[in-house]
Amino acid sequence: MMHLDWLEPGRTAVITGAADGVGRAAALKFAGLGLNVLLADRNAVGLEDAAETARALAPGGAVMDTFVLDVADAEQVLALKRHAFDRFGDVAVLMNNAGIGGGGGPFGPPESWARVLGVNLWGVIHGVQAFGEAMVAQDRPAAIINTGSKQGITTPPGDTAYNVSKAGVKVLTEALEHSLRTANGGKVRAHLLIPGFTFTGITRPAGGEKPPGAWTADQVIDFALERMAAGDFYILCPDNEVTREVDNARITWAAQDITQNRPPLSRWHSDWKDPFAAFIAAQGAVQE
């Protein structure tokens, strides 16, 4: 297993979407490991609560700082970058994690589409462009983690705007890692975090208890660090209902809509229900 050579006490993590969910879990994990953490979010109240919790977990000397911003605004993300380097002089890990849902289908309101794409896709682009070259110039090991989604790969019917945004994050992060391989000896790595069903602010808009099938955000972060240490680029998370084998089969089927000239999204097409079930069974993948 590879060692995460950027994960050192005294270095700094910058996390967007840090007020809740996976971003908050990452902030608390990095704080407990002795990193300085710059938590960023547009939710000022949730941000301060997360920072206070992180301070209680951090060993002496680690600094927990906050920055309120909207990642859809490039100037605000540039201000976050300036603050990070002015305050800490170093960024070991950037986690572009801020995300929202509710964009709608192909005929959804343009303003909803614009907001989802602005946060989920442009927010990640802004983070990569603001921080990426400066992190390479540090000439130290570092990582950029972009939070994608399985919906950006298999693109199920429903919130098409969300799917488009997360598909864009996948493409961007793949190209980023390809570019970083030859930049300054490849000391900066990119990773695509692909959570499964996770109990977060997006999946619990009405509150309530965690469904049995969902992972916690803490489980996602623990799994991410484990797989990053193993050298994975694609951090494809299972959950309590979906195994890696099922994910592999679903992703393969989705790609074969093109290679087999099937209707798009055939997994959800009534004519292809039985062939899809047979394909899953043939792959040895058991669906709950």
Protein backbone atom coordinates (compact mmCIF):
# COMPACT_ATOMS: atom_id res chain seq x y z
CA MET A 1 0.00 0.00 0.00
CA MET A 2 1.27 3.43 -0.91
CA HIS A 3 1.82 6.03 1.78
CA LEU A 4 0.00 9.35 1.42
CA ASP A 5 3.11 11.48 1.54
CA TRP A 6 1.14 14.72 1.57
CA LEU A 7 -0.74 13.70 4.72
CA GLU A 8 1.56 15.30 7.28
CA PRO A 9 0.73 17.19 10.50
CA GLY A 10 1.25 20.90 10.02
CA ARG A 11 0.32 20.92 6.34
CA THR A 12 -3.01 22.32 5.17
CA ALA A 13 -6.27 20.97 3.74
CA VAL A 14 -8.72 23.25 1.90
CA ILE A 15 -12.24 21.84 1.67
CA THR A 16 -15.28 23.34 -0.03
CA GLY A 17 -18.75 22.22 1.01
CA ALA A 18 -17.28 21.73 4.48
CA ALA A 19 -20.35 22.68 6.50
CA ASP A 20 -22.05 19.32 6.10
CA GLY A 21 -21.84 15.80 4.76
CA VAL A 22 -18.70 14.46 3.13
CA GLY A 23 -16.90 17.82 3.31
CA ARG A 24 -17.49 18.12 7.03
CA ALA A 25 -16.37 14.53 7.57
CA ALA A 26 -13.17 15.24 5.64
CA ALA A 27 -12.50 18.36 7.70
CA LEU A 28 -12.88 16.45 10.96
CA LYS A 29 -10.68 13.59 9.72
CA PHE A 30 -7.89 15.90 8.58
CA ALA A 31 -8.13 17.92 11.79
CA GLY A 32 -7.73 14.78 13.86
CA LEU A 33 -4.65 13.85 11.82
CA GLY A 34 -3.00 17.16 12.68
CA LEU A 35 -3.48 19.10 9.45
CA ASN A 36 -4.50 22.73 9.41
CA VAL A 37 -7.93 22.92 7.80
CA LEU A 38 -9.49 25.78 5.86
CA LEU A 39 -13.21 25.02 5.78
CA ALA A 40 -15.18 26.79 3.05
CA ASP A 41 -18.92 26.89 2.43
CA ARG A 42 -21.72 29.36 1.77
CA ASN A 43 -23.51 28.17 4.94
CA ALA A 44 -21.84 30.37 7.55
CA VAL A 45 -23.66 28.88 10.52
CA GLY A 46 -22.94 25.28 9.57
CA LEU A 47 -19.37 26.24 8.74
CA GLU A 48 -18.68 27.61 12.21
CA ASP A 49 -20.25 24.56 13.82
CA ALA A 50 -18.04 22.26 11.76
CA ALA A 51 -14.96 24.33 12.59
CA GLU A 52 -15.69 24.22 16.32
CA THR A 53 -16.06 20.45 16.18
CA ALA A 54 -12.81 20.20 14.21
CA ARG A 55 -10.97 22.35 16.77
CA ALA A 56 -12.01 19.96 19.52
CA LEU A 57 -10.46 17.07 17.57
CA ALA A 58 -7.28 18.81 16.42
CA PRO A 59 -4.02 18.37 18.31
CA GLY A 60 -2.25 21.44 19.63
CA GLY A 61 -0.91 23.73 16.94
CA ALA A 62 -3.33 22.76 14.18
CA VAL A 63 -5.37 25.73 12.95
CA MET A 64 -9.03 25.53 11.91
CA ASP A 65 -10.03 28.47 9.74
CA THR A 66 -13.24 29.28 7.86
CA PHE A 67 -14.09 31.09 4.64
CA VAL A 68 -17.64 31.87 3.51
CA LEU A 69 -18.02 31.79 -0.28
CA ASP A 70 -20.07 30.69 -3.27
CA VAL A 71 -17.88 28.42 -5.39
CA ALA A 72 -19.89 29.35 -8.49
CA ASP A 73 -18.14 32.75 -8.34
CA ALA A 74 -14.61 32.48 -9.72
CA GLU A 75 -13.44 35.63 -7.92
CA GLN A 76 -14.54 34.24 -4.57
CA VAL A 77 -12.61 31.02 -5.20
CA LEU A 78 -9.53 33.04 -6.15
CA ALA A 79 -9.94 34.92 -2.87
CA LEU A 80 -10.05 31.57 -1.07
CA LYS A 81 -6.80 30.57 -2.75
CA ARG A 82 -5.10 33.82 -1.77
CA HIS A 83 -6.30 33.45 1.81
CA ALA A 84 -5.06 29.85 1.99
CA PHE A 85 -1.54 30.65 0.79
CA ASP A 86 -1.29 33.92 2.72
CA ARG A 87 -2.41 32.24 5.95
CA PHE A 88 -0.66 28.90 5.66
CA GLY A 89 1.86 29.18 2.82
CA ASP A 90 1.06 25.65 1.71
CA VAL A 91 -1.85 23.50 0.51
CA ALA A 92 -1.37 19.74 0.82
CA VAL A 93 -4.87 18.77 -0.28
CA LEU A 94 -7.67 20.61 -2.04
CA MET A 95 -11.08 18.97 -1.88
CA ASN A 96 -13.55 20.44 -4.36
CA ASN A 97 -16.64 19.03 -2.73
CA ALA A 98 -19.43 21.64 -2.73
CA GLY A 99 -22.54 20.31 -4.43
CA ILE A 100 -26.29 20.78 -4.75
CA GLY A 101 -29.17 18.98 -6.48
CA GLY A 102 -32.52 20.01 -7.84
CA GLY A 103 -31.64 21.15 -11.35
CA GLY A 104 -34.40 19.20 -13.06
CA GLY A 105 -34.85 17.26 -16.29
CA PRO A 106 -34.11 18.33 -19.86
CA PHE A 107 -36.97 20.87 -19.77
CA GLY A 108 -36.26 22.05 -16.22
CA PRO A 109 -36.07 25.74 -15.34
CA PRO A 110 -32.95 27.36 -16.85
CA GLU A 111 -32.20 29.12 -13.58
CA SER A 112 -32.14 25.78 -11.74
CA TRP A 113 -29.83 24.31 -14.34
CA ALA A 114 -27.56 27.34 -14.10
CA ARG A 115 -27.33 27.08 -10.32
CA VAL A 116 -26.55 23.34 -10.30
CA LEU A 117 -23.94 23.66 -13.04
CA GLY A 118 -22.52 26.76 -11.38
CA VAL A 119 -21.89 25.01 -8.06
CA ASN A 120 -21.26 21.40 -9.06
CA LEU A 121 -19.24 21.86 -12.23
CA TRP A 122 -18.00 25.43 -12.40
CA GLY A 123 -17.21 25.32 -8.68
CA VAL A 124 -14.82 22.44 -9.32
CA ILE A 125 -13.36 24.12 -12.42
CA HIS A 126 -12.79 27.29 -10.42
CA GLY A 127 -11.08 25.33 -7.65
CA VAL A 128 -8.79 23.47 -10.05
CA GLN A 129 -7.85 26.63 -11.93
CA ALA A 130 -7.33 28.75 -8.82
CA PHE A 131 -5.23 26.23 -6.86
CA GLY A 132 -3.79 23.72 -9.31
CA GLU A 133 -0.74 25.49 -10.71
CA ALA A 134 0.12 27.00 -7.33
CA MET A 135 0.05 23.53 -5.77
CA VAL A 136 2.36 22.21 -8.49
CA ALA A 137 4.71 25.16 -7.92
CA GLN A 138 5.09 24.19 -4.26
CA ASP A 139 7.25 21.28 -5.45
CA ARG A 140 5.83 19.12 -2.67
CA PRO A 141 3.49 16.12 -2.65
CA ALA A 142 -0.15 17.20 -2.75
CA ALA A 143 -3.57 16.02 -3.88
CA ILE A 144 -6.67 17.44 -5.51
CA ILE A 145 -9.85 15.49 -4.72
CA ASN A 146 -12.94 16.27 -6.78
CA THR A 147 -16.27 14.87 -5.62
CA GLY A 148 -18.20 13.28 -8.46
CA SER A 149 -21.15 10.90 -8.42
CA LYS A 150 -22.23 7.58 -9.87
CA GLN A 151 -25.02 9.61 -11.48
CA GLY A 152 -22.34 11.28 -13.58
CA ILE A 153 -21.38 7.86 -14.96
CA THR A 154 -24.61 5.90 -15.37
CA THR A 155 -26.77 9.09 -15.72
CA PRO A 156 -30.15 7.74 -14.51
CA PRO A 157 -33.44 9.45 -15.44
CA GLY A 158 -34.45 12.23 -13.07
CA ASP A 159 -32.20 15.16 -12.21
CA THR A 160 -30.51 15.54 -15.58
CA ALA A 161 -28.82 18.80 -14.61
CA TYR A 162 -27.13 17.09 -11.67
CA ASN A 163 -26.02 14.20 -13.90
CA VAL A 164 -24.56 16.60 -16.45
CA SER A 165 -22.67 18.49 -13.76
CA LYS A 166 -21.15 15.34 -12.27
CA ALA A 167 -20.32 13.90 -15.69
CA GLY A 168 -18.40 17.10 -16.29
CA VAL A 169 -16.52 16.68 -13.02
CA LYS A 170 -15.48 13.17 -14.11
CA VAL A 171 -14.14 14.40 -17.46
CA LEU A 172 -12.35 17.36 -15.87
CA THR A 173 -10.70 15.24 -13.18
CA GLU A 174 -9.53 12.60 -15.65
CA ALA A 175 -7.91 15.31 -17.78
CA LEU A 176 -6.44 16.95 -14.69
CA GLU A 177 -4.75 13.74 -13.53
CA HIS A 178 -3.43 13.15 -17.04
CA SER A 179 -1.91 16.65 -17.06
CA LEU A 180 -0.45 16.32 -13.57
CA ARG A 181 1.42 13.11 -14.39
CA THR A 182 4.19 15.08 -16.07
CA ALA A 183 3.94 18.30 -14.06
CA ASN A 184 6.89 18.62 -11.69
CA GLY A 185 7.48 14.91 -11.44
CA GLY A 186 3.84 14.11 -10.73
CA LYS A 187 4.08 15.25 -7.12
CA VAL A 188 0.49 16.51 -7.24
CA ARG A 189 -2.14 13.84 -7.88
CA ALA A 190 -5.82 14.13 -8.73
CA HIS A 191 -8.53 11.74 -7.53
CA LEU A 192 -12.21 11.38 -8.43
CA LEU A 193 -14.28 10.60 -5.35
CA ILE A 194 -17.45 8.72 -6.34
CA PRO A 195 -19.64 8.20 -3.28
CA GLY A 196 -22.38 5.61 -3.15
CA PHE A 197 -25.63 6.15 -1.26
CA THR A 198 -24.45 8.46 1.52
CA PHE A 199 -26.44 10.12 4.29
CA THR A 200 -25.80 13.84 3.66
CA GLY A 201 -27.67 17.11 3.33
CA ILE A 202 -28.60 16.25 -0.27
CA THR A 203 -30.06 12.85 0.63
CA ARG A 204 -31.81 13.96 3.83
CA PRO A 205 -33.52 17.23 2.84
CA ALA A 206 -36.40 16.48 5.22
CA GLY A 207 -34.18 15.24 8.05
CA GLY A 208 -34.81 11.88 9.67
CA GLU A 209 -32.73 8.83 10.46
CA LYS A 210 -30.07 7.32 8.25
CA PRO A 211 -31.53 4.64 5.97
CA PRO A 212 -29.98 1.19 6.53
CA GLY A 213 -28.64 1.12 2.97
CA ALA A 214 -26.68 4.35 3.27
CA TRP A 215 -23.09 4.83 4.33
CA THR A 216 -22.15 7.65 6.66
CA ALA A 217 -19.96 10.46 5.39
CA ASP A 218 -17.24 9.23 7.77
CA GLN A 219 -17.23 5.85 6.01
CA VAL A 220 -16.81 7.57 2.65
CA ILE A 221 -13.78 9.53 3.85
CA ASP A 222 -12.16 6.51 5.50
CA PHE A 223 -12.63 4.52 2.30
CA ALA A 224 -11.28 7.40 0.20
CA LEU A 225 -8.06 7.65 2.20
CA GLU A 226 -7.60 3.89 2.06
CA ARG A 227 -8.02 3.77 -1.72
CA MET A 228 -5.88 6.86 -2.30
CA ALA A 229 -3.12 5.22 -0.27
CA ALA A 230 -3.46 2.22 -2.57
CA GLY A 231 -2.93 4.51 -5.57
CA ASP A 232 -6.48 4.58 -6.93
CA PHE A 233 -7.63 7.45 -9.11
CA TYR A 234 -11.28 6.36 -9.23
CA ILE A 235 -12.52 6.10 -5.64
CA LEU A 236 -15.72 4.16 -6.34
CA CYS A 237 -17.46 3.74 -3.00
CA PRO A 238 -19.85 0.91 -2.21
CA ASP A 239 -22.60 1.31 0.38
CA ASN A 240 -24.70 -1.05 2.48
CA GLU A 241 -26.84 -2.04 -0.53
CA VAL A 242 -24.56 -1.85 -3.57
CA THR A 243 -21.31 -3.80 -3.89
CA ARG A 244 -18.39 -3.01 -6.15
CA GLU A 245 -19.42 -5.94 -8.34
CA VAL A 246 -22.88 -4.43 -8.88
CA ASP A 247 -21.37 -1.01 -9.64
CA ASN A 248 -18.96 -2.55 -12.14
CA ALA A 249 -21.81 -4.35 -13.92
CA ARG A 250 -24.03 -1.24 -14.03
CA ILE A 251 -21.22 0.93 -15.38
CA THR A 252 -20.30 -1.68 -18.01
CA TRP A 253 -23.93 -1.95 -19.11
CA ALA A 254 -24.21 1.82 -19.42
CA ALA A 255 -21.11 1.99 -21.62
CA GLN A 256 -22.45 -0.82 -23.77
CA ASP A 257 -25.55 1.20 -24.64
CA ILE A 258 -23.18 2.80 -27.13
CA THR A 259 -21.15 -0.22 -28.20
CA GLN A 260 -24.23 -2.45 -28.48
CA ASN A 261 -26.34 0.29 -30.13
CA ARG A 262 -29.09 0.05 -27.53
CA PRO A 263 -31.51 2.87 -26.63
CA PRO A 264 -29.98 5.41 -24.25
CA LEU A 265 -30.52 4.63 -20.57
CA SER A 266 -31.66 1.16 -21.55
CA ARG A 267 -31.27 0.00 -17.96
CA TRP A 268 -34.50 1.88 -17.26
CA HIS A 269 -36.21 0.92 -20.54
CA SER A 270 -39.04 -1.62 -20.16
CA ASP A 271 -37.90 -3.58 -23.21
CA TRP A 272 -34.47 -4.10 -21.67
CA LYS A 273 -35.49 -4.95 -18.10
CA ASP A 274 -35.01 -8.70 -18.46
CA PRO A 275 -31.78 -8.52 -20.52
CA PHE A 276 -30.31 -6.16 -17.94
CA ALA A 277 -31.25 -8.52 -15.10
CA ALA A 278 -29.67 -11.42 -16.99
CA PHE A 279 -26.51 -9.39 -17.60
CA ILE A 280 -26.21 -8.55 -13.90
CA ALA A 281 -26.64 -12.20 -12.99
CA ALA A 282 -24.05 -13.28 -15.56
CA GLN A 283 -21.54 -10.88 -14.03
CA GLY A 284 -22.01 -12.56 -10.67
CA ALA A 285 -23.36 -9.33 -9.20
CA VAL A 286 -26.19 -9.69 -6.73
CA GLN A 287 -28.53 -6.71 -6.41
CA GLU A 288 -30.22 -6.13 -3.07
